[in-house]
């Protein structure tokens, strides 16, 4: 890698700057992270579909908050 403008020397000299690129750092997802992964395509405002969608989204957000607040046991089985 040093053949390309001394890239490896740059990485080793400034290891803290490159750590995120080369080292895996697990991160716990929070409810907002999960919500941001999804895109909701709502029906028309005032329609029956929209009312059901709002109820479903509200339930989903409550579920995520419950998980985030550790209101569920994580053991399965």
PDB file of N, CA and C in Angstrom:
ATOM      1  N   UNK A   1       0.807  -1.201   0.000  1.00  0.00           N
ATOM      2  CA  UNK A   1       0.000   0.000   0.000  1.00  0.00           C
ATOM      3  C   UNK A   1       0.851   1.267   0.000  1.00  0.00           C
ATOM      4  N   UNK A   2       2.102   1.152   0.376  1.00  0.00           N
ATOM      5  CA  UNK A   2       2.962   2.333   0.393  1.00  0.00           C
ATOM      6  C   UNK A   2       3.288   2.829  -1.006  1.00  0.00           C
ATOM      7  N   UNK A   3       3.114   1.965  -2.040  1.00  0.00           N
ATOM      8  CA  UNK A   3       3.373   2.389  -3.419  1.00  0.00           C
ATOM      9  C   UNK A   3       2.404   3.480  -3.867  1.00  0.00           C
ATOM     10  N   UNK A   4       1.280   3.592  -3.202  1.00  0.00           N
ATOM     11  CA  UNK A   4       0.279   4.603  -3.551  1.00  0.00           C
ATOM     12  C   UNK A   4       0.403   5.752  -2.554  1.00  0.00           C
ATOM     13  N   UNK A   5       1.285   6.671  -2.853  1.00  0.00           N
ATOM     14  CA  UNK A   5       1.501   7.870  -2.033  1.00  0.00           C
ATOM     15  C   UNK A   5       1.767   7.565  -0.565  1.00  0.00           C
ATOM     16  N   UNK A   6       2.395   6.438  -0.263  1.00  0.00           N
ATOM     17  CA  UNK A   6       2.715   6.109   1.125  1.00  0.00           C
ATOM     18  C   UNK A   6       1.486   5.894   1.981  1.00  0.00           C
ATOM     19  N   UNK A   7       0.466   5.285   1.394  1.00  0.00           N
ATOM     20  CA  UNK A   7      -0.831   5.138   2.073  1.00  0.00           C
ATOM     21  C   UNK A   7      -0.713   4.366   3.389  1.00  0.00           C
ATOM     22  N   UNK A   8       0.049   3.264   3.399  1.00  0.00           N
ATOM     23  CA  UNK A   8       0.135   2.472   4.625  1.00  0.00           C
ATOM     24  C   UNK A   8       0.841   3.242   5.735  1.00  0.00           C
ATOM     25  N   UNK A   9       1.855   4.001   5.382  1.00  0.00           N
ATOM     26  CA  UNK A   9       2.535   4.832   6.386  1.00  0.00           C
ATOM     27  C   UNK A   9       1.563   5.866   6.962  1.00  0.00           C
ATOM     28  N   UNK A  10       0.714   6.414   6.097  1.00  0.00           N
ATOM     29  CA  UNK A  10      -0.274   7.377   6.560  1.00  0.00           C
ATOM     30  C   UNK A  10      -1.260   6.710   7.522  1.00  0.00           C
ATOM     31  N   UNK A  11      -1.683   5.482   7.187  1.00  0.00           N
ATOM     32  CA  UNK A  11      -2.628   4.756   8.038  1.00  0.00           C
ATOM     33  C   UNK A  11      -1.995   4.458   9.394  1.00  0.00           C
ATOM     34  N   UNK A  12      -0.777   3.969   9.394  1.00  0.00           N
ATOM     35  CA  UNK A  12      -0.141   3.619  10.671  1.00  0.00           C
ATOM     36  C   UNK A  12       0.215   4.853  11.490  1.00  0.00           C
ATOM     37  N   UNK A  13       0.551   5.935  10.842  1.00  0.00           N
ATOM     38  CA  UNK A  13       0.873   7.163  11.554  1.00  0.00           C
ATOM     39  C   UNK A  13      -0.368   7.789  12.182  1.00  0.00           C
ATOM     40  N   UNK A  14      -1.477   7.703  11.497  1.00  0.00           N
ATOM     41  CA  UNK A  14      -2.736   8.302  11.969  1.00  0.00           C
ATOM     42  C   UNK A  14      -3.785   7.210  12.188  1.00  0.00           C
ATOM     43  N   UNK A  15      -3.411   6.181  12.937  1.00  0.00           N
ATOM     44  CA  UNK A  15      -4.276   5.016  13.132  1.00  0.00           C
ATOM     45  C   UNK A  15      -5.640   5.387  13.708  1.00  0.00           C
ATOM     46  N   UNK A  16      -5.669   6.361  14.602  1.00  0.00           N
ATOM     47  CA  UNK A  16      -6.947   6.746  15.214  1.00  0.00           C
ATOM     48  C   UNK A  16      -7.933   7.290  14.183  1.00  0.00           C
ATOM     49  N   UNK A  17      -7.455   7.951  13.156  1.00  0.00           N
ATOM     50  CA  UNK A  17      -8.337   8.490  12.120  1.00  0.00           C
ATOM     51  C   UNK A  17      -8.898   7.390  11.213  1.00  0.00           C
ATOM     52  N   UNK A  18      -8.145   6.312  11.037  1.00  0.00           N
ATOM     53  CA  UNK A  18      -8.550   5.237  10.127  1.00  0.00           C
ATOM     54  C   UNK A  18      -9.202   4.052  10.847  1.00  0.00           C
ATOM     55  N   UNK A  19      -9.284   4.101  12.149  1.00  0.00           N
ATOM     56  CA  UNK A  19      -9.800   2.971  12.917  1.00  0.00           C
ATOM     57  C   UNK A  19     -11.223   2.590  12.502  1.00  0.00           C
ATOM     58  N   UNK A  20     -12.083   3.561  12.318  1.00  0.00           N
ATOM     59  CA  UNK A  20     -13.454   3.274  11.911  1.00  0.00           C
ATOM     60  C   UNK A  20     -13.553   2.605  10.550  1.00  0.00           C
ATOM     61  N   UNK A  21     -12.590   2.836   9.697  1.00  0.00           N
ATOM     62  CA  UNK A  21     -12.591   2.257   8.360  1.00  0.00           C
ATOM     63  C   UNK A  21     -12.134   0.793   8.373  1.00  0.00           C
ATOM     64  N   UNK A  22     -11.199   0.471   9.256  1.00  0.00           N
ATOM     65  CA  UNK A  22     -10.602  -0.857   9.246  1.00  0.00           C
ATOM     66  C   UNK A  22     -11.030  -1.753  10.410  1.00  0.00           C
ATOM     67  N   UNK A  23     -11.671  -1.198  11.415  1.00  0.00           N
ATOM     68  CA  UNK A  23     -12.033  -1.976  12.608  1.00  0.00           C
ATOM     69  C   UNK A  23     -13.542  -1.958  12.812  1.00  0.00           C
ATOM     70  N   UNK A  24     -14.094  -3.118  13.042  1.00  0.00           N
ATOM     71  CA  UNK A  24     -15.531  -3.238  13.283  1.00  0.00           C
ATOM     72  C   UNK A  24     -15.840  -2.832  14.715  1.00  0.00           C
ATOM     73  N   UNK A  25     -16.789  -1.936  14.879  1.00  0.00           N
ATOM     74  CA  UNK A  25     -17.237  -1.517  16.203  1.00  0.00           C
ATOM     75  C   UNK A  25     -18.742  -1.746  16.283  1.00  0.00           C
ATOM     76  N   UNK A  26     -19.163  -2.808  16.962  1.00  0.00           N
ATOM     77  CA  UNK A  26     -20.603  -3.052  17.056  1.00  0.00           C
ATOM     78  C   UNK A  26     -21.294  -1.933  17.817  1.00  0.00           C
ATOM     79  N   UNK A  27     -22.516  -1.633  17.411  1.00  0.00           N
ATOM     80  CA  UNK A  27     -23.295  -0.572  18.051  1.00  0.00           C
ATOM     81  C   UNK A  27     -24.705  -1.092  18.261  1.00  0.00           C
ATOM     82  N   UNK A  28     -25.229  -0.907  19.446  1.00  0.00           N
ATOM     83  CA  UNK A  28     -26.598  -1.286  19.722  1.00  0.00           C
ATOM     84  C   UNK A  28     -27.530  -0.333  18.978  1.00  0.00           C
ATOM     85  N   UNK A  29     -28.538  -0.904  18.327  1.00  0.00           N
ATOM     86  CA  UNK A  29     -29.525  -0.076  17.648  1.00  0.00           C
ATOM     87  C   UNK A  29     -30.528   0.447  18.656  1.00  0.00           C
ATOM     88  N   UNK A  30     -30.901   1.687  18.516  1.00  0.00           N
ATOM     89  CA  UNK A  30     -31.968   2.239  19.338  1.00  0.00           C
ATOM     90  C   UNK A  30     -33.234   2.302  18.474  1.00  0.00           C
ATOM     91  N   UNK A  31     -34.351   2.602  19.092  1.00  0.00           N
ATOM     92  CA  UNK A  31     -35.616   2.660  18.372  1.00  0.00           C
ATOM     93  C   UNK A  31     -35.583   3.622  17.200  1.00  0.00           C
ATOM     94  N   UNK A  32     -34.969   4.772  17.394  1.00  0.00           N
ATOM     95  CA  UNK A  32     -34.881   5.761  16.309  1.00  0.00           C
ATOM     96  C   UNK A  32     -34.082   5.223  15.125  1.00  0.00           C
ATOM     97  N   UNK A  33     -33.035   4.431  15.405  1.00  0.00           N
ATOM     98  CA  UNK A  33     -32.255   3.832  14.317  1.00  0.00           C
ATOM     99  C   UNK A  33     -33.124   2.910  13.477  1.00  0.00           C
ATOM    100  N   UNK A  34     -33.947   2.097  14.144  1.00  0.00           N
ATOM    101  CA  UNK A  34     -34.819   1.161  13.425  1.00  0.00           C
ATOM    102  C   UNK A  34     -35.869   1.928  12.631  1.00  0.00           C
ATOM    103  N   UNK A  35     -36.459   2.940  13.232  1.00  0.00           N
ATOM    104  CA  UNK A  35     -37.467   3.749  12.524  1.00  0.00           C
ATOM    105  C   UNK A  35     -36.854   4.402  11.294  1.00  0.00           C
ATOM    106  N   UNK A  36     -35.620   4.878  11.412  1.00  0.00           N
ATOM    107  CA  UNK A  36     -34.956   5.534  10.283  1.00  0.00           C
ATOM    108  C   UNK A  36     -34.596   4.567   9.159  1.00  0.00           C
ATOM    109  N   UNK A  37     -34.578   3.257   9.455  1.00  0.00           N
ATOM    110  CA  UNK A  37     -34.314   2.263   8.421  1.00  0.00           C
ATOM    111  C   UNK A  37     -35.535   2.014   7.541  1.00  0.00           C
ATOM    112  N   UNK A  38     -36.699   2.402   8.027  1.00  0.00           N
ATOM    113  CA  UNK A  38     -37.957   2.116   7.337  1.00  0.00           C
ATOM    114  C   UNK A  38     -38.527   3.375   6.714  1.00  0.00           C
ATOM    115  N   UNK A  39     -39.265   3.183   5.650  1.00  0.00           N
ATOM    116  CA  UNK A  39     -39.985   4.288   5.031  1.00  0.00           C
ATOM    117  C   UNK A  39     -41.447   3.875   4.929  1.00  0.00           C
ATOM    118  N   UNK A  40     -42.310   4.668   5.518  1.00  0.00           N
ATOM    119  CA  UNK A  40     -43.738   4.365   5.508  1.00  0.00           C
ATOM    120  C   UNK A  40     -44.383   5.099   4.344  1.00  0.00           C
ATOM    121  N   UNK A  41     -45.118   4.368   3.528  1.00  0.00           N
ATOM    122  CA  UNK A  41     -45.869   4.969   2.432  1.00  0.00           C
ATOM    123  C   UNK A  41     -47.332   5.011   2.847  1.00  0.00           C
ATOM    124  N   UNK A  42     -47.727   6.137   3.370  1.00  0.00           N
ATOM    125  CA  UNK A  42     -49.076   6.305   3.892  1.00  0.00           C
ATOM    126  C   UNK A  42     -50.112   6.407   2.775  1.00  0.00           C
ATOM    127  N   UNK A  43     -51.353   6.012   3.118  1.00  0.00           N
ATOM    128  CA  UNK A  43     -52.492   6.231   2.234  1.00  0.00           C
ATOM    129  C   UNK A  43     -52.903   7.694   2.310  1.00  0.00           C
ATOM    130  N   UNK A  44     -54.001   8.018   1.649  1.00  0.00           N
ATOM    131  CA  UNK A  44     -54.478   9.398   1.635  1.00  0.00           C
ATOM    132  C   UNK A  44     -54.945   9.835   3.017  1.00  0.00           C
ATOM    133  N   UNK A  45     -54.632  11.076   3.367  1.00  0.00           N
ATOM    134  CA  UNK A  45     -55.063  11.650   4.641  1.00  0.00           C
ATOM    135  C   UNK A  45     -56.582  11.583   4.741  1.00  0.00           C
ATOM    136  N   UNK A  46     -57.095  11.080   5.863  1.00  0.00           N
ATOM    137  CA  UNK A  46     -58.533  10.993   6.076  1.00  0.00           C
ATOM    138  C   UNK A  46     -59.154   9.680   5.618  1.00  0.00           C
ATOM    139  N   UNK A  47     -58.404   8.838   4.924  1.00  0.00           N
ATOM    140  CA  UNK A  47     -58.950   7.562   4.449  1.00  0.00           C
ATOM    141  C   UNK A  47     -58.917   6.525   5.572  1.00  0.00           C
ATOM    142  N   UNK A  48     -59.683   5.465   5.404  1.00  0.00           N
ATOM    143  CA  UNK A  48     -59.672   4.374   6.380  1.00  0.00           C
ATOM    144  C   UNK A  48     -58.290   3.734   6.443  1.00  0.00           C
ATOM    145  N   UNK A  49     -57.651   3.604   5.289  1.00  0.00           N
ATOM    146  CA  UNK A  49     -56.299   3.035   5.262  1.00  0.00           C
ATOM    147  C   UNK A  49     -55.353   3.857   6.128  1.00  0.00           C
ATOM    148  N   UNK A  50     -55.446   5.150   6.011  1.00  0.00           N
ATOM    149  CA  UNK A  50     -54.552   6.038   6.755  1.00  0.00           C
ATOM    150  C   UNK A  50     -54.770   5.893   8.260  1.00  0.00           C
ATOM    151  N   UNK A  51     -55.996   5.751   8.672  1.00  0.00           N
ATOM    152  CA  UNK A  51     -56.308   5.573  10.085  1.00  0.00           C
ATOM    153  C   UNK A  51     -55.691   4.272  10.612  1.00  0.00           C
ATOM    154  N   UNK A  52     -55.814   3.190   9.845  1.00  0.00           N
ATOM    155  CA  UNK A  52     -55.213   1.917  10.236  1.00  0.00           C
ATOM    156  C   UNK A  52     -53.693   1.993  10.235  1.00  0.00           C
ATOM    157  N   UNK A  53     -53.144   2.707   9.263  1.00  0.00           N
ATOM    158  CA  UNK A  53     -51.686   2.870   9.190  1.00  0.00           C
ATOM    159  C   UNK A  53     -51.173   3.637  10.407  1.00  0.00           C
ATOM    160  N   UNK A  54     -51.881   4.694  10.783  1.00  0.00           N
ATOM    161  CA  UNK A  54     -51.477   5.469  11.957  1.00  0.00           C
ATOM    162  C   UNK A  54     -51.492   4.601  13.214  1.00  0.00           C
ATOM    163  N   UNK A  55     -52.515   3.767  13.339  1.00  0.00           N
ATOM    164  CA  UNK A  55     -52.604   2.861  14.486  1.00  0.00           C
ATOM    165  C   UNK A  55     -51.453   1.861  14.481  1.00  0.00           C
ATOM    166  N   UNK A  56     -51.144   1.329  13.303  1.00  0.00           N
ATOM    167  CA  UNK A  56     -50.041   0.364  13.190  1.00  0.00           C
ATOM    168  C   UNK A  56     -48.696   0.998  13.532  1.00  0.00           C
ATOM    169  N   UNK A  57     -48.459   2.190  13.024  1.00  0.00           N
ATOM    170  CA  UNK A  57     -47.192   2.879  13.293  1.00  0.00           C
ATOM    171  C   UNK A  57     -47.072   3.199  14.777  1.00  0.00           C
ATOM    172  N   UNK A  58     -48.169   3.623  15.384  1.00  0.00           N
ATOM    173  CA  UNK A  58     -48.160   3.920  16.810  1.00  0.00           C
ATOM    174  C   UNK A  58     -47.795   2.661  17.601  1.00  0.00           C
ATOM    175  N   UNK A  59     -48.384   1.525  17.248  1.00  0.00           N
ATOM    176  CA  UNK A  59     -48.073   0.266  17.908  1.00  0.00           C
ATOM    177  C   UNK A  59     -46.612  -0.129  17.725  1.00  0.00           C
ATOM    178  N   UNK A  60     -46.110   0.070  16.526  1.00  0.00           N
ATOM    179  CA  UNK A  60     -44.709  -0.235  16.220  1.00  0.00           C
ATOM    180  C   UNK A  60     -43.770   0.616  17.069  1.00  0.00           C
ATOM    181  N   UNK A  61     -44.088   1.907  17.205  1.00  0.00           N
ATOM    182  CA  UNK A  61     -43.255   2.803  18.005  1.00  0.00           C
ATOM    183  C   UNK A  61     -43.308   2.425  19.481  1.00  0.00           C
ATOM    184  N   UNK A  62     -44.485   2.020  19.974  1.00  0.00           N
ATOM    185  CA  UNK A  62     -44.592   1.562  21.364  1.00  0.00           C
ATOM    186  C   UNK A  62     -43.754   0.298  21.589  1.00  0.00           C
ATOM    187  N   UNK A  63     -43.804  -0.609  20.626  1.00  0.00           N
ATOM    188  CA  UNK A  63     -43.013  -1.833  20.707  1.00  0.00           C
ATOM    189  C   UNK A  63     -41.521  -1.513  20.783  1.00  0.00           C
ATOM    190  N   UNK A  64     -41.051  -0.617  19.924  1.00  0.00           N
ATOM    191  CA  UNK A  64     -39.632  -0.250  19.930  1.00  0.00           C
ATOM    192  C   UNK A  64     -39.238   0.421  21.248  1.00  0.00           C
ATOM    193  N   UNK A  65     -40.122   1.273  21.768  1.00  0.00           N
ATOM    194  CA  UNK A  65     -39.840   1.919  23.051  1.00  0.00           C
ATOM    195  C   UNK A  65     -39.768   0.892  24.172  1.00  0.00           C
ATOM    196  N   UNK A  66     -40.638  -0.115  24.130  1.00  0.00           N
ATOM    197  CA  UNK A  66     -40.629  -1.154  25.150  1.00  0.00           C
ATOM    198  C   UNK A  66     -39.331  -1.949  25.102  1.00  0.00           C
ATOM    199  N   UNK A  67     -38.870  -2.281  23.908  1.00  0.00           N
ATOM    200  CA  UNK A  67     -37.608  -3.007  23.773  1.00  0.00           C
ATOM    201  C   UNK A  67     -36.451  -2.143  24.267  1.00  0.00           C
ATOM    202  N   UNK A  68     -36.463  -0.881  23.881  1.00  0.00           N
ATOM    203  CA  UNK A  68     -35.403   0.037  24.272  1.00  0.00           C
ATOM    204  C   UNK A  68     -35.369   0.207  25.794  1.00  0.00           C
ATOM    205  N   UNK A  69     -36.539   0.206  26.419  1.00  0.00           N
ATOM    206  CA  UNK A  69     -36.626   0.376  27.867  1.00  0.00           C
ATOM    207  C   UNK A  69     -36.467  -0.915  28.643  1.00  0.00           C
ATOM    208  N   UNK A  70     -36.135  -2.008  27.940  1.00  0.00           N
ATOM    209  CA  UNK A  70     -35.930  -3.314  28.559  1.00  0.00           C
ATOM    210  C   UNK A  70     -37.170  -3.816  29.293  1.00  0.00           C
ATOM    211  N   UNK A  71     -38.347  -3.585  28.730  1.00  0.00           N
ATOM    212  CA  UNK A  71     -39.574  -4.071  29.328  1.00  0.00           C
ATOM    213  C   UNK A  71     -39.862  -5.514  28.956  1.00  0.00           C
ATOM    214  N   UNK A  72     -39.049  -6.099  28.095  1.00  0.00           N
ATOM    215  CA  UNK A  72     -39.213  -7.491  27.686  1.00  0.00           C
ATOM    216  C   UNK A  72     -38.006  -8.283  28.153  1.00  0.00           C
ATOM    217  N   UNK A  73     -38.214  -9.564  28.425  1.00  0.00           N
ATOM    218  CA  UNK A  73     -37.084 -10.444  28.723  1.00  0.00           C
ATOM    219  C   UNK A  73     -36.403 -10.786  27.410  1.00  0.00           C
ATOM    220  N   UNK A  74     -35.110 -10.777  27.398  1.00  0.00           N
ATOM    221  CA  UNK A  74     -34.366 -11.053  26.175  1.00  0.00           C
ATOM    222  C   UNK A  74     -34.127 -12.543  25.977  1.00  0.00           C
ATOM    223  N   UNK A  75     -34.412 -13.359  27.016  1.00  0.00           N
ATOM    224  CA  UNK A  75     -34.229 -14.802  26.892  1.00  0.00           C
ATOM    225  C   UNK A  75     -35.371 -15.399  26.090  1.00  0.00           C
ATOM    226  N   UNK A  76     -35.038 -16.277  25.177  1.00  0.00           N
ATOM    227  CA  UNK A  76     -36.048 -16.937  24.376  1.00  0.00           C
ATOM    228  C   UNK A  76     -35.960 -18.428  24.668  1.00  0.00           C
ATOM    229  N   UNK A  77     -37.118 -19.039  24.910  1.00  0.00           N
ATOM    230  CA  UNK A  77     -37.131 -20.489  25.096  1.00  0.00           C
ATOM    231  C   UNK A  77     -37.276 -20.928  26.497  1.00  0.00           C
TER     232      UNK A  77
END
